[in-house]
Amino acid sequence: MTVTITFPTAADGYWTIQVVNRDRGQIGRRYVCHAHDDAEAQAIAGQLAGSAIGIVGYDYHRIDNPHGRYARTLAMGQWEIIDSPDTWAVLQSARRSA
């Protein structure tokens, strides 16, 4: 019997995504996603931002998945909308430095 153990790549992880509206005074939709790598996170962000007239793009940042009540348990490729300002603040504070 052969047992194969696979480990996630170093790039596997979570990203926050915020849609950027043309009117910067208005906050765009906010998400967190779980992606294989930066390219997949960017593709998810592009899909979530869409191409509406009032949308100019998105910001996305790699984060460390927080522990406790703010931890995310998303399957690979999944995303979740973040409506809570408290949750968003915790996720933003978990940004990884470049």
PDB file of N, CA and C in Angstrom:
ATOM      1  N   MET A   1       0.836  -1.170   0.000  1.00  0.00           N
ATOM      2  CA  MET A   1       0.000   0.000   0.000  1.00  0.00           C
ATOM      3  C   MET A   1       0.886   1.240   0.000  1.00  0.00           C
ATOM      4  N   THR A   2       0.586   2.152  -0.899  1.00  0.00           N
ATOM      5  CA  THR A   2       1.344   3.387  -0.994  1.00  0.00           C
ATOM      6  C   THR A   2       0.499   4.529  -0.459  1.00  0.00           C
ATOM      7  N   VAL A   3       1.070   5.314   0.395  1.00  0.00           N
ATOM      8  CA  VAL A   3       0.380   6.478   0.939  1.00  0.00           C
ATOM      9  C   VAL A   3       1.037   7.718   0.363  1.00  0.00           C
ATOM     10  N   THR A   4       0.228   8.573  -0.241  1.00  0.00           N
ATOM     11  CA  THR A   4       0.742   9.820  -0.793  1.00  0.00           C
ATOM     12  C   THR A   4       0.262  10.966   0.083  1.00  0.00           C
ATOM     13  N   ILE A   5       1.181  11.754   0.529  1.00  0.00           N
ATOM     14  CA  ILE A   5       0.849  12.916   1.337  1.00  0.00           C
ATOM     15  C   ILE A   5       1.135  14.151   0.504  1.00  0.00           C
ATOM     16  N   THR A   6       0.144  15.009   0.368  1.00  0.00           N
ATOM     17  CA  THR A   6       0.360  16.251  -0.367  1.00  0.00           C
ATOM     18  C   THR A   6       0.244  17.420   0.592  1.00  0.00           C
ATOM     19  N   PHE A   7       1.099  18.363   0.398  1.00  0.00           N
ATOM     20  CA  PHE A   7       1.095  19.560   1.215  1.00  0.00           C
ATOM     21  C   PHE A   7       0.700  20.740   0.348  1.00  0.00           C
ATOM     22  N   PRO A   8      -0.033  21.699   0.901  1.00  0.00           N
ATOM     23  CA  PRO A   8      -0.369  22.862   0.098  1.00  0.00           C
ATOM     24  C   PRO A   8       0.892  23.626  -0.280  1.00  0.00           C
ATOM     25  N   THR A   9       0.852  24.275  -1.434  1.00  0.00           N
ATOM     26  CA  THR A   9       2.004  25.057  -1.856  1.00  0.00           C
ATOM     27  C   THR A   9       2.155  26.256  -0.938  1.00  0.00           C
ATOM     28  N   ALA A  10       3.306  26.847  -0.969  1.00  0.00           N
ATOM     29  CA  ALA A  10       3.558  28.009  -0.119  1.00  0.00           C
ATOM     30  C   ALA A  10       2.613  29.157  -0.462  1.00  0.00           C
ATOM     31  N   ALA A  11       2.103  29.178  -1.690  1.00  0.00           N
ATOM     32  CA  ALA A  11       1.240  30.268  -2.116  1.00  0.00           C
ATOM     33  C   ALA A  11      -0.220  30.050  -1.721  1.00  0.00           C
ATOM     34  N   ASP A  12      -0.602  28.844  -1.355  1.00  0.00           N
ATOM     35  CA  ASP A  12      -1.974  28.526  -0.978  1.00  0.00           C
ATOM     36  C   ASP A  12      -2.387  29.379   0.206  1.00  0.00           C
ATOM     37  N   GLY A  13      -3.558  30.019   0.128  1.00  0.00           N
ATOM     38  CA  GLY A  13      -3.965  30.824   1.271  1.00  0.00           C
ATOM     39  C   GLY A  13      -5.220  31.640   1.067  1.00  0.00           C
ATOM     40  N   TYR A  14      -5.377  32.626   1.907  1.00  0.00           N
ATOM     41  CA  TYR A  14      -6.563  33.483   1.933  1.00  0.00           C
ATOM     42  C   TYR A  14      -6.207  34.899   1.502  1.00  0.00           C
ATOM     43  N   TRP A  15      -7.170  35.549   0.850  1.00  0.00           N
ATOM     44  CA  TRP A  15      -7.024  36.924   0.398  1.00  0.00           C
ATOM     45  C   TRP A  15      -8.287  37.709   0.729  1.00  0.00           C
ATOM     46  N   THR A  16      -8.124  38.991   1.065  1.00  0.00           N
ATOM     47  CA  THR A  16      -9.283  39.884   1.165  1.00  0.00           C
ATOM     48  C   THR A  16      -9.405  40.605  -0.167  1.00  0.00           C
ATOM     49  N   ILE A  17     -10.641  40.896  -0.532  1.00  0.00           N
ATOM     50  CA  ILE A  17     -10.923  41.583  -1.793  1.00  0.00           C
ATOM     51  C   ILE A  17     -11.915  42.700  -1.487  1.00  0.00           C
ATOM     52  N   GLN A  18     -11.614  43.904  -1.949  1.00  0.00           N
ATOM     53  CA  GLN A  18     -12.576  45.000  -1.835  1.00  0.00           C
ATOM     54  C   GLN A  18     -12.770  45.597  -3.211  1.00  0.00           C
ATOM     55  N   VAL A  19     -14.022  45.639  -3.642  1.00  0.00           N
ATOM     56  CA  VAL A  19     -14.366  46.238  -4.920  1.00  0.00           C
ATOM     57  C   VAL A  19     -14.216  47.750  -4.785  1.00  0.00           C
ATOM     58  N   VAL A  20     -13.605  48.380  -5.782  1.00  0.00           N
ATOM     59  CA  VAL A  20     -13.390  49.826  -5.778  1.00  0.00           C
ATOM     60  C   VAL A  20     -14.444  50.483  -6.667  1.00  0.00           C
ATOM     61  N   ASN A  21     -15.248  51.334  -6.058  1.00  0.00           N
ATOM     62  CA  ASN A  21     -16.286  52.061  -6.783  1.00  0.00           C
ATOM     63  C   ASN A  21     -15.721  53.346  -7.376  1.00  0.00           C
ATOM     64  N   ARG A  22     -16.346  53.809  -8.440  1.00  0.00           N
ATOM     65  CA  ARG A  22     -15.942  55.067  -9.059  1.00  0.00           C
ATOM     66  C   ARG A  22     -16.045  56.202  -8.031  1.00  0.00           C
ATOM     67  N   ASP A  23     -17.115  56.206  -7.253  1.00  0.00           N
ATOM     68  CA  ASP A  23     -17.298  57.187  -6.193  1.00  0.00           C
ATOM     69  C   ASP A  23     -16.569  56.686  -4.960  1.00  0.00           C
ATOM     70  N   ARG A  24     -15.373  57.157  -4.718  1.00  0.00           N
ATOM     71  CA  ARG A  24     -14.547  56.651  -3.616  1.00  0.00           C
ATOM     72  C   ARG A  24     -15.145  56.934  -2.249  1.00  0.00           C
ATOM     73  N   GLY A  25     -16.148  57.805  -2.169  1.00  0.00           N
ATOM     74  CA  GLY A  25     -16.805  58.055  -0.898  1.00  0.00           C
ATOM     75  C   GLY A  25     -17.702  56.909  -0.473  1.00  0.00           C
ATOM     76  N   GLN A  26     -17.954  55.998  -1.390  1.00  0.00           N
ATOM     77  CA  GLN A  26     -18.831  54.856  -1.116  1.00  0.00           C
ATOM     78  C   GLN A  26     -17.982  53.592  -1.040  1.00  0.00           C
ATOM     79  N   ILE A  27     -18.158  52.812   0.017  1.00  0.00           N
ATOM     80  CA  ILE A  27     -17.388  51.579   0.202  1.00  0.00           C
ATOM     81  C   ILE A  27     -17.946  50.497  -0.716  1.00  0.00           C
ATOM     82  N   GLY A  28     -17.058  49.819  -1.435  1.00  0.00           N
ATOM     83  CA  GLY A  28     -17.467  48.721  -2.297  1.00  0.00           C
ATOM     84  C   GLY A  28     -17.678  47.442  -1.508  1.00  0.00           C
ATOM     85  N   ARG A  29     -18.184  46.431  -2.201  1.00  0.00           N
ATOM     86  CA  ARG A  29     -18.393  45.129  -1.557  1.00  0.00           C
ATOM     87  C   ARG A  29     -17.055  44.554  -1.108  1.00  0.00           C
ATOM     88  N   ARG A  30     -17.120  43.761  -0.015  1.00  0.00           N
ATOM     89  CA  ARG A  30     -15.909  43.176   0.560  1.00  0.00           C
ATOM     90  C   ARG A  30     -16.054  41.666   0.653  1.00  0.00           C
ATOM     91  N   TYR A  31     -14.955  40.975   0.374  1.00  0.00           N
ATOM     92  CA  TYR A  31     -14.963  39.519   0.348  1.00  0.00           C
ATOM     93  C   TYR A  31     -13.677  38.975   0.964  1.00  0.00           C
ATOM     94  N   VAL A  32     -13.714  37.700   1.283  1.00  0.00           N
ATOM     95  CA  VAL A  32     -12.501  36.940   1.569  1.00  0.00           C
ATOM     96  C   VAL A  32     -12.591  35.694   0.687  1.00  0.00           C
ATOM     97  N   CYS A  33     -11.445  35.262   0.147  1.00  0.00           N
ATOM     98  CA  CYS A  33     -11.440  34.061  -0.691  1.00  0.00           C
ATOM     99  C   CYS A  33     -10.274  33.168  -0.303  1.00  0.00           C
ATOM    100  N   HIS A  34     -10.390  31.903  -0.678  1.00  0.00           N
ATOM    101  CA  HIS A  34      -9.338  30.910  -0.472  1.00  0.00           C
ATOM    102  C   HIS A  34      -8.894  30.475  -1.856  1.00  0.00           C
ATOM    103  N   ALA A  35      -7.621  30.675  -2.166  1.00  0.00           N
ATOM    104  CA  ALA A  35      -7.137  30.398  -3.521  1.00  0.00           C
ATOM    105  C   ALA A  35      -5.813  29.646  -3.487  1.00  0.00           C
ATOM    106  N   HIS A  36      -5.523  28.971  -4.606  1.00  0.00           N
ATOM    107  CA  HIS A  36      -4.266  28.219  -4.734  1.00  0.00           C
ATOM    108  C   HIS A  36      -3.055  29.140  -4.747  1.00  0.00           C
ATOM    109  N   ASP A  37      -3.211  30.301  -5.385  1.00  0.00           N
ATOM    110  CA  ASP A  37      -2.079  31.210  -5.526  1.00  0.00           C
ATOM    111  C   ASP A  37      -2.575  32.612  -5.860  1.00  0.00           C
ATOM    112  N   ASP A  38      -1.647  33.511  -6.032  1.00  0.00           N
ATOM    113  CA  ASP A  38      -1.967  34.906  -6.312  1.00  0.00           C
ATOM    114  C   ASP A  38      -2.794  35.051  -7.595  1.00  0.00           C
ATOM    115  N   ALA A  39      -2.434  34.303  -8.633  1.00  0.00           N
ATOM    116  CA  ALA A  39      -3.153  34.407  -9.906  1.00  0.00           C
ATOM    117  C   ALA A  39      -4.616  33.994  -9.754  1.00  0.00           C
ATOM    118  N   GLU A  40      -4.873  32.928  -9.005  1.00  0.00           N
ATOM    119  CA  GLU A  40      -6.252  32.497  -8.795  1.00  0.00           C
ATOM    120  C   GLU A  40      -7.011  33.522  -7.943  1.00  0.00           C
ATOM    121  N   ALA A  41      -6.364  34.081  -6.935  1.00  0.00           N
ATOM    122  CA  ALA A  41      -7.006  35.110  -6.104  1.00  0.00           C
ATOM    123  C   ALA A  41      -7.357  36.324  -6.955  1.00  0.00           C
ATOM    124  N   GLN A  42      -6.464  36.702  -7.849  1.00  0.00           N
ATOM    125  CA  GLN A  42      -6.722  37.845  -8.733  1.00  0.00           C
ATOM    126  C   GLN A  42      -7.870  37.540  -9.692  1.00  0.00           C
ATOM    127  N   ALA A  43      -7.962  36.329 -10.197  1.00  0.00           N
ATOM    128  CA  ALA A  43      -9.064  35.949 -11.083  1.00  0.00           C
ATOM    129  C   ALA A  43     -10.401  35.986 -10.337  1.00  0.00           C
ATOM    130  N   ILE A  44     -10.416  35.495  -9.107  1.00  0.00           N
ATOM    131  CA  ILE A  44     -11.640  35.542  -8.297  1.00  0.00           C
ATOM    132  C   ILE A  44     -12.034  36.996  -8.049  1.00  0.00           C
ATOM    133  N   ALA A  45     -11.056  37.833  -7.705  1.00  0.00           N
ATOM    134  CA  ALA A  45     -11.327  39.255  -7.452  1.00  0.00           C
ATOM    135  C   ALA A  45     -11.924  39.922  -8.693  1.00  0.00           C
ATOM    136  N   GLY A  46     -11.380  39.616  -9.859  1.00  0.00           N
ATOM    137  CA  GLY A  46     -11.903  40.185 -11.104  1.00  0.00           C
ATOM    138  C   GLY A  46     -13.336  39.769 -11.359  1.00  0.00           C
ATOM    139  N   GLN A  47     -13.651  38.507 -11.100  1.00  0.00           N
ATOM    140  CA  GLN A  47     -15.029  38.025 -11.279  1.00  0.00           C
ATOM    141  C   GLN A  47     -15.970  38.703 -10.300  1.00  0.00           C
ATOM    142  N   LEU A  48     -15.545  38.851  -9.043  1.00  0.00           N
ATOM    143  CA  LEU A  48     -16.399  39.461  -8.039  1.00  0.00           C
ATOM    144  C   LEU A  48     -16.615  40.949  -8.312  1.00  0.00           C
ATOM    145  N   ALA A  49     -15.603  41.630  -8.828  1.00  0.00           N
ATOM    146  CA  ALA A  49     -15.735  43.058  -9.123  1.00  0.00           C
ATOM    147  C   ALA A  49     -16.698  43.277 -10.293  1.00  0.00           C
ATOM    148  N   GLY A  50     -16.625  42.397 -11.269  1.00  0.00           N
ATOM    149  CA  GLY A  50     -17.508  42.533 -12.428  1.00  0.00           C
ATOM    150  C   GLY A  50     -17.126  43.730 -13.295  1.00  0.00           C
ATOM    151  N   SER A  51     -18.063  44.160 -14.127  1.00  0.00           N
ATOM    152  CA  SER A  51     -17.748  45.237 -15.066  1.00  0.00           C
ATOM    153  C   SER A  51     -18.844  46.297 -15.116  1.00  0.00           C
ATOM    154  N   ALA A  52     -19.495  46.551 -14.008  1.00  0.00           N
ATOM    155  CA  ALA A  52     -20.545  47.568 -13.969  1.00  0.00           C
ATOM    156  C   ALA A  52     -19.927  48.954 -14.153  1.00  0.00           C
ATOM    157  N   ILE A  53     -20.703  49.885 -14.631  1.00  0.00           N
ATOM    158  CA  ILE A  53     -20.244  51.257 -14.892  1.00  0.00           C
ATOM    159  C   ILE A  53     -19.635  51.905 -13.646  1.00  0.00           C
ATOM    160  N   GLY A  54     -20.222  51.701 -12.476  1.00  0.00           N
ATOM    161  CA  GLY A  54     -19.742  52.350 -11.253  1.00  0.00           C
ATOM    162  C   GLY A  54     -18.540  51.694 -10.609  1.00  0.00           C
ATOM    163  N   ILE A  55     -18.042  50.580 -11.175  1.00  0.00           N
ATOM    164  CA  ILE A  55     -16.917  49.830 -10.600  1.00  0.00           C
ATOM    165  C   ILE A  55     -15.651  50.136 -11.401  1.00  0.00           C
ATOM    166  N   VAL A  56     -14.575  50.477 -10.707  1.00  0.00           N
ATOM    167  CA  VAL A  56     -13.324  50.749 -11.418  1.00  0.00           C
ATOM    168  C   VAL A  56     -12.269  49.675 -11.191  1.00  0.00           C
ATOM    169  N   GLY A  57     -12.516  48.743 -10.296  1.00  0.00           N
ATOM    170  CA  GLY A  57     -11.549  47.676 -10.059  1.00  0.00           C
ATOM    171  C   GLY A  57     -11.696  47.072  -8.676  1.00  0.00           C
ATOM    172  N   TYR A  58     -10.582  46.616  -8.138  1.00  0.00           N
ATOM    173  CA  TYR A  58     -10.591  45.957  -6.835  1.00  0.00           C
ATOM    174  C   TYR A  58      -9.211  46.058  -6.207  1.00  0.00           C
ATOM    175  N   ASP A  59      -9.186  45.953  -4.900  1.00  0.00           N
ATOM    176  CA  ASP A  59      -7.951  45.807  -4.132  1.00  0.00           C
ATOM    177  C   ASP A  59      -7.987  44.410  -3.536  1.00  0.00           C
ATOM    178  N   TYR A  60      -6.860  43.709  -3.546  1.00  0.00           N
ATOM    179  CA  TYR A  60      -6.819  42.416  -2.879  1.00  0.00           C
ATOM    180  C   TYR A  60      -5.496  42.270  -2.163  1.00  0.00           C
ATOM    181  N   HIS A  61      -5.555  41.582  -1.010  1.00  0.00           N
ATOM    182  CA  HIS A  61      -4.381  41.436  -0.164  1.00  0.00           C
ATOM    183  C   HIS A  61      -4.343  40.037   0.424  1.00  0.00           C
ATOM    184  N   ARG A  62      -3.158  39.475   0.452  1.00  0.00           N
ATOM    185  CA  ARG A  62      -2.938  38.172   1.082  1.00  0.00           C
ATOM    186  C   ARG A  62      -3.031  38.346   2.589  1.00  0.00           C
ATOM    187  N   ILE A  63      -3.684  37.414   3.264  1.00  0.00           N
ATOM    188  CA  ILE A  63      -3.804  37.483   4.724  1.00  0.00           C
ATOM    189  C   ILE A  63      -3.455  36.140   5.347  1.00  0.00           C
ATOM    190  N   ASP A  64      -3.144  36.182   6.619  1.00  0.00           N
ATOM    191  CA  ASP A  64      -3.046  34.970   7.415  1.00  0.00           C
ATOM    192  C   ASP A  64      -4.443  34.724   7.969  1.00  0.00           C
ATOM    193  N   ASN A  65      -4.930  33.511   7.839  1.00  0.00           N
ATOM    194  CA  ASN A  65      -6.269  33.190   8.331  1.00  0.00           C
ATOM    195  C   ASN A  65      -6.301  33.379   9.840  1.00  0.00           C
ATOM    196  N   PRO A  66      -7.164  34.285  10.339  1.00  0.00           N
ATOM    197  CA  PRO A  66      -7.218  34.508  11.793  1.00  0.00           C
ATOM    198  C   PRO A  66      -7.686  33.254  12.530  1.00  0.00           C
ATOM    199  N   HIS A  67      -7.460  33.244  13.820  1.00  0.00           N
ATOM    200  CA  HIS A  67      -7.909  32.145  14.672  1.00  0.00           C
ATOM    201  C   HIS A  67      -9.197  32.550  15.374  1.00  0.00           C
ATOM    202  N   GLY A  68      -9.860  31.582  15.955  1.00  0.00           N
ATOM    203  CA  GLY A  68     -11.049  31.866  16.752  1.00  0.00           C
ATOM    204  C   GLY A  68     -12.270  32.172  15.911  1.00  0.00           C
ATOM    205  N   ARG A  69     -13.096  33.060  16.406  1.00  0.00           N
ATOM    206  CA  ARG A  69     -14.387  33.317  15.752  1.00  0.00           C
ATOM    207  C   ARG A  69     -14.261  33.944  14.379  1.00  0.00           C
ATOM    208  N   TYR A  70     -13.121  34.540  14.065  1.00  0.00           N
ATOM    209  CA  TYR A  70     -12.942  35.173  12.761  1.00  0.00           C
ATOM    210  C   TYR A  70     -12.273  34.258  11.738  1.00  0.00           C
ATOM    211  N   ALA A  71     -11.915  33.042  12.138  1.00  0.00           N
ATOM    212  CA  ALA A  71     -11.272  32.107  11.212  1.00  0.00           C
ATOM    213  C   ALA A  71     -12.216  31.760  10.076  1.00  0.00           C
ATOM    214  N   ARG A  72     -11.679  31.606   8.899  1.00  0.00           N
ATOM    215  CA  ARG A  72     -12.450  31.224   7.708  1.00  0.00           C
ATOM    216  C   ARG A  72     -12.177  29.768   7.402  1.00  0.00           C
ATOM    217  N   THR A  73     -13.190  29.050   6.965  1.00  0.00           N
ATOM    218  CA  THR A  73     -13.037  27.639   6.587  1.00  0.00           C
ATOM    219  C   THR A  73     -13.615  27.446   5.191  1.00  0.00           C
ATOM    220  N   LEU A  74     -13.059  28.146   4.233  1.00  0.00           N
ATOM    221  CA  LEU A  74     -13.530  28.074   2.853  1.00  0.00           C
ATOM    222  C   LEU A  74     -12.788  26.981   2.092  1.00  0.00           C
ATOM    223  N   ALA A  75     -13.503  26.302   1.220  1.00  0.00           N
ATOM    224  CA  ALA A  75     -12.862  25.330   0.331  1.00  0.00           C
ATOM    225  C   ALA A  75     -12.043  26.101  -0.710  1.00  0.00           C
ATOM    226  N   MET A  76     -11.105  25.420  -1.327  1.00  0.00           N
ATOM    227  CA  MET A  76     -10.269  26.048  -2.339  1.00  0.00           C
ATOM    228  C   MET A  76     -11.151  26.623  -3.451  1.00  0.00           C
ATOM    229  N   GLY A  77     -10.936  27.886  -3.794  1.00  0.00           N
ATOM    230  CA  GLY A  77     -11.698  28.552  -4.847  1.00  0.00           C
ATOM    231  C   GLY A  77     -12.978  29.210  -4.358  1.00  0.00           C
ATOM    232  N   GLN A  78     -13.339  28.989  -3.104  1.00  0.00           N
ATOM    233  CA  GLN A  78     -14.563  29.588  -2.558  1.00  0.00           C
ATOM    234  C   GLN A  78     -14.300  31.004  -2.080  1.00  0.00           C
ATOM    235  N   TRP A  79     -15.359  31.784  -2.028  1.00  0.00           N
ATOM    236  CA  TRP A  79     -15.304  33.137  -1.494  1.00  0.00           C
ATOM    237  C   TRP A  79     -16.527  33.375  -0.629  1.00  0.00           C
ATOM    238  N   GLU A  80     -16.429  34.413   0.189  1.00  0.00           N
ATOM    239  CA  GLU A  80     -17.507  34.749   1.109  1.00  0.00           C
ATOM    240  C   GLU A  80     -17.576  36.271   1.208  1.00  0.00           C
ATOM    241  N   ILE A  81     -18.792  36.830   1.177  1.00  0.00           N
ATOM    242  CA  ILE A  81     -18.952  38.268   1.350  1.00  0.00           C
ATOM    243  C   ILE A  81     -18.793  38.606   2.824  1.00  0.00           C
ATOM    244  N   ILE A  82     -18.160  39.734   3.099  1.00  0.00           N
ATOM    245  CA  ILE A  82     -17.950  40.186   4.474  1.00  0.00           C
ATOM    246  C   ILE A  82     -18.760  41.460   4.676  1.00  0.00           C
ATOM    247  N   ASP A  83     -19.835  41.356   5.446  1.00  0.00           N
ATOM    248  CA  ASP A  83     -20.693  42.505   5.723  1.00  0.00           C
ATOM    249  C   ASP A  83     -20.334  43.200   7.035  1.00  0.00           C
ATOM    250  N   SER A  84     -19.759  42.481   7.955  1.00  0.00           N
ATOM    251  CA  SER A  84     -19.476  43.012   9.289  1.00  0.00           C
ATOM    252  C   SER A  84     -18.214  43.880   9.282  1.00  0.00           C
ATOM    253  N   PRO A  85     -18.323  45.144   9.715  1.00  0.00           N
ATOM    254  CA  PRO A  85     -17.122  45.988   9.814  1.00  0.00           C
ATOM    255  C   PRO A  85     -16.085  45.414  10.789  1.00  0.00           C
ATOM    256  N   ASP A  86     -16.541  44.769  11.864  1.00  0.00           N
ATOM    257  CA  ASP A  86     -15.608  44.172  12.830  1.00  0.00           C
ATOM    258  C   ASP A  86     -14.809  43.037  12.190  1.00  0.00           C
ATOM    259  N   THR A  87     -15.499  42.168  11.456  1.00  0.00           N
ATOM    260  CA  THR A  87     -14.816  41.061  10.787  1.00  0.00           C
ATOM    261  C   THR A  87     -13.833  41.602   9.758  1.00  0.00           C
ATOM    262  N   TRP A  88     -14.253  42.610   8.997  1.00  0.00           N
ATOM    263  CA  TRP A  88     -13.370  43.197   7.980  1.00  0.00           C
ATOM    264  C   TRP A  88     -12.112  43.773   8.634  1.00  0.00           C
ATOM    265  N   ALA A  89     -12.267  44.445   9.751  1.00  0.00           N
ATOM    266  CA  ALA A  89     -11.119  45.026  10.450  1.00  0.00           C
ATOM    267  C   ALA A  89     -10.140  43.938  10.898  1.00  0.00           C
ATOM    268  N   VAL A  90     -10.662  42.830  11.405  1.00  0.00           N
ATOM    269  CA  VAL A  90      -9.791  41.727  11.832  1.00  0.00           C
ATOM    270  C   VAL A  90      -9.064  41.139  10.621  1.00  0.00           C
ATOM    271  N   LEU A  91      -9.784  40.935   9.532  1.00  0.00           N
ATOM    272  CA  LEU A  91      -9.155  40.381   8.328  1.00  0.00           C
ATOM    273  C   LEU A  91      -8.090  41.340   7.778  1.00  0.00           C
ATOM    274  N   GLN A  92      -8.361  42.632   7.790  1.00  0.00           N
ATOM    275  CA  GLN A  92      -7.378  43.603   7.308  1.00  0.00           C
ATOM    276  C   GLN A  92      -6.146  43.629   8.200  1.00  0.00           C
ATOM    277  N   SER A  93      -6.329  43.434   9.488  1.00  0.00           N
ATOM    278  CA  SER A  93      -5.164  43.425  10.382  1.00  0.00           C
ATOM    279  C   SER A  93      -4.327  42.155  10.212  1.00  0.00           C
ATOM    280  N   ALA A  94      -4.873  41.166   9.512  1.00  0.00           N
ATOM    281  CA  ALA A  94      -4.153  39.906   9.283  1.00  0.00           C
ATOM    282  C   ALA A  94      -3.376  39.927   7.966  1.00  0.00           C
ATOM    283  N   ARG A  95      -3.285  41.106   7.320  1.00  0.00           N
ATOM    284  CA  ARG A  95      -2.544  41.202   6.050  1.00  0.00           C
ATOM    285  C   ARG A  95      -1.100  40.761   6.241  1.00  0.00           C
ATOM    286  N   ARG A  96      -0.612  40.089   5.227  1.00  0.00           N
ATOM    287  CA  ARG A  96       0.796  39.677   5.237  1.00  0.00           C
ATOM    288  C   ARG A  96       1.637  40.798   4.675  1.00  0.00           C
ATOM    289  N   SER A  97       2.801  41.016   5.254  1.00  0.00           N
ATOM    290  CA  SER A  97       3.711  42.007   4.695  1.00  0.00           C
ATOM    291  C   SER A  97       4.422  41.410   3.505  1.00  0.00           C
ATOM    292  N   ALA A  98       4.728  42.243   2.546  1.00  0.00           N
ATOM    293  CA  ALA A  98       5.344  41.759   1.293  1.00  0.00           C
ATOM    294  C   ALA A  98       6.764  41.318   1.466  1.00  0.00           C
TER     295      ALA A  98
END
